[in-house]
Amino acid sequence: MKKSTTIFGMWLREELSRRGLSQRQLSERMGVSPMTVTRWIHGATIPRKDQIDWLFDYFDSHMEIVKNGGEEE
């Protein structure tokens, strides 16, 4: 498992928790399976670029937060 997938999964888990969203709710909004979201959170896979862009827009976040392990610059 690459560090980037682990950091992304931790970021996504935190965003869901912060907003009180379930993995199922996110999967329905994105049009992916709940298992896909689970794989992202556990670092087994990472979303495609278009899905990452959607997530950053949806959570009003940006790549630097994920790249820096959750720390804003």
C-alpha atoms as a PDB file:
ATOM      1  CA  MET A   1       0.000   0.000   0.000  1.00  0.00           C
ATOM      2  CA  LYS A   2       1.446   3.357  -1.034  1.00  0.00           C
ATOM      3  CA  LYS A   3       1.613   6.233   1.420  1.00  0.00           C
ATOM      4  CA  SER A   4      -0.471   8.430  -0.903  1.00  0.00           C
ATOM      5  CA  THR A   5      -3.390   5.965  -0.857  1.00  0.00           C
ATOM      6  CA  THR A   6      -3.201   5.742   2.929  1.00  0.00           C
ATOM      7  CA  ILE A   7      -3.165   9.539   3.326  1.00  0.00           C
ATOM      8  CA  PHE A   8      -6.029   9.896   0.884  1.00  0.00           C
ATOM      9  CA  GLY A   9      -8.060   7.274   2.754  1.00  0.00           C
ATOM     10  CA  MET A  10      -7.441   8.974   6.089  1.00  0.00           C
ATOM     11  CA  TRP A  11      -8.470  12.316   4.586  1.00  0.00           C
ATOM     12  CA  LEU A  12     -11.658  10.845   3.119  1.00  0.00           C
ATOM     13  CA  ARG A  13     -12.592   9.096   6.372  1.00  0.00           C
ATOM     14  CA  GLU A  14     -12.123  12.370   8.278  1.00  0.00           C
ATOM     15  CA  GLU A  15     -14.209  14.345   5.764  1.00  0.00           C
ATOM     16  CA  LEU A  16     -17.065  11.854   5.997  1.00  0.00           C
ATOM     17  CA  SER A  17     -16.931  11.906   9.782  1.00  0.00           C
ATOM     18  CA  ARG A  18     -16.747  15.695   9.927  1.00  0.00           C
ATOM     19  CA  ARG A  19     -19.896  15.989   7.832  1.00  0.00           C
ATOM     20  CA  GLY A  20     -21.790  13.068   9.334  1.00  0.00           C
ATOM     21  CA  LEU A  21     -21.944  11.228   6.010  1.00  0.00           C
ATOM     22  CA  SER A  22     -21.862   7.482   5.615  1.00  0.00           C
ATOM     23  CA  GLN A  23     -19.840   5.668   2.990  1.00  0.00           C
ATOM     24  CA  ARG A  24     -23.142   4.596   1.421  1.00  0.00           C
ATOM     25  CA  GLN A  25     -24.402   8.183   1.189  1.00  0.00           C
ATOM     26  CA  LEU A  26     -21.187   9.278  -0.509  1.00  0.00           C
ATOM     27  CA  SER A  27     -21.271   6.321  -2.890  1.00  0.00           C
ATOM     28  CA  GLU A  28     -24.859   7.173  -3.889  1.00  0.00           C
ATOM     29  CA  ARG A  29     -23.952  10.820  -4.539  1.00  0.00           C
ATOM     30  CA  MET A  30     -20.952   9.797  -6.641  1.00  0.00           C
ATOM     31  CA  GLY A  31     -22.609   6.919  -8.475  1.00  0.00           C
ATOM     32  CA  VAL A  32     -20.105   4.318  -7.273  1.00  0.00           C
ATOM     33  CA  SER A  33     -20.572   1.243  -5.124  1.00  0.00           C
ATOM     34  CA  PRO A  34     -20.210   1.427  -1.341  1.00  0.00           C
ATOM     35  CA  MET A  35     -17.383  -1.131  -1.669  1.00  0.00           C
ATOM     36  CA  THR A  36     -15.481   1.314  -3.894  1.00  0.00           C
ATOM     37  CA  VAL A  37     -15.606   3.978  -1.181  1.00  0.00           C
ATOM     38  CA  THR A  38     -14.522   1.387   1.392  1.00  0.00           C
ATOM     39  CA  ARG A  39     -11.502   0.498  -0.770  1.00  0.00           C
ATOM     40  CA  TRP A  40     -10.540   4.181  -1.009  1.00  0.00           C
ATOM     41  CA  ILE A  41     -10.788   4.633   2.749  1.00  0.00           C
ATOM     42  CA  HIS A  42      -8.714   1.529   3.468  1.00  0.00           C
ATOM     43  CA  GLY A  43      -6.094   2.501   0.919  1.00  0.00           C
ATOM     44  CA  ALA A  44      -6.647  -0.517  -1.322  1.00  0.00           C
ATOM     45  CA  THR A  45      -7.325   1.722  -4.330  1.00  0.00           C
ATOM     46  CA  ILE A  46      -7.447   5.402  -5.142  1.00  0.00           C
ATOM     47  CA  PRO A  47     -10.141   7.186  -7.141  1.00  0.00           C
ATOM     48  CA  ARG A  48      -9.664   8.267 -10.741  1.00  0.00           C
ATOM     49  CA  LYS A  49      -8.625  11.894 -11.307  1.00  0.00           C
ATOM     50  CA  ASP A  50     -12.182  12.987 -12.153  1.00  0.00           C
ATOM     51  CA  GLN A  51     -13.457  11.365  -8.950  1.00  0.00           C
ATOM     52  CA  ILE A  52     -10.719  13.028  -6.886  1.00  0.00           C
ATOM     53  CA  ASP A  53     -11.634  16.390  -8.400  1.00  0.00           C
ATOM     54  CA  TRP A  54     -15.300  15.750  -7.563  1.00  0.00           C
ATOM     55  CA  LEU A  55     -14.430  14.857  -3.961  1.00  0.00           C
ATOM     56  CA  PHE A  56     -12.240  17.923  -3.464  1.00  0.00           C
ATOM     57  CA  ASP A  57     -14.994  20.126  -4.890  1.00  0.00           C
ATOM     58  CA  TYR A  58     -17.690  18.400  -2.820  1.00  0.00           C
ATOM     59  CA  PHE A  59     -15.717  18.685   0.420  1.00  0.00           C
ATOM     60  CA  ASP A  60     -14.387  22.138  -0.504  1.00  0.00           C
ATOM     61  CA  SER A  61     -10.834  20.919  -0.079  1.00  0.00           C
ATOM     62  CA  HIS A  62      -7.719  20.780  -2.229  1.00  0.00           C
ATOM     63  CA  MET A  63      -4.827  18.505  -3.074  1.00  0.00           C
ATOM     64  CA  GLU A  64      -2.261  20.258  -0.874  1.00  0.00           C
ATOM     65  CA  ILE A  65      -4.121  19.233   2.289  1.00  0.00           C
ATOM     66  CA  VAL A  66      -3.902  15.578   1.265  1.00  0.00           C
ATOM     67  CA  LYS A  67      -0.311  15.891   0.036  1.00  0.00           C
ATOM     68  CA  ASN A  68       0.709  17.401   3.380  1.00  0.00           C
ATOM     69  CA  GLY A  69      -0.898  14.654   5.402  1.00  0.00           C
ATOM     70  CA  GLY A  70      -3.875  16.781   6.434  1.00  0.00           C
ATOM     71  CA  GLU A  71      -1.880  19.846   7.452  1.00  0.00           C
ATOM     72  CA  GLU A  72      -2.823  23.114   5.779  1.00  0.00           C
ATOM     73  CA  GLU A  73       0.061  25.315   4.718  1.00  0.00           C
END
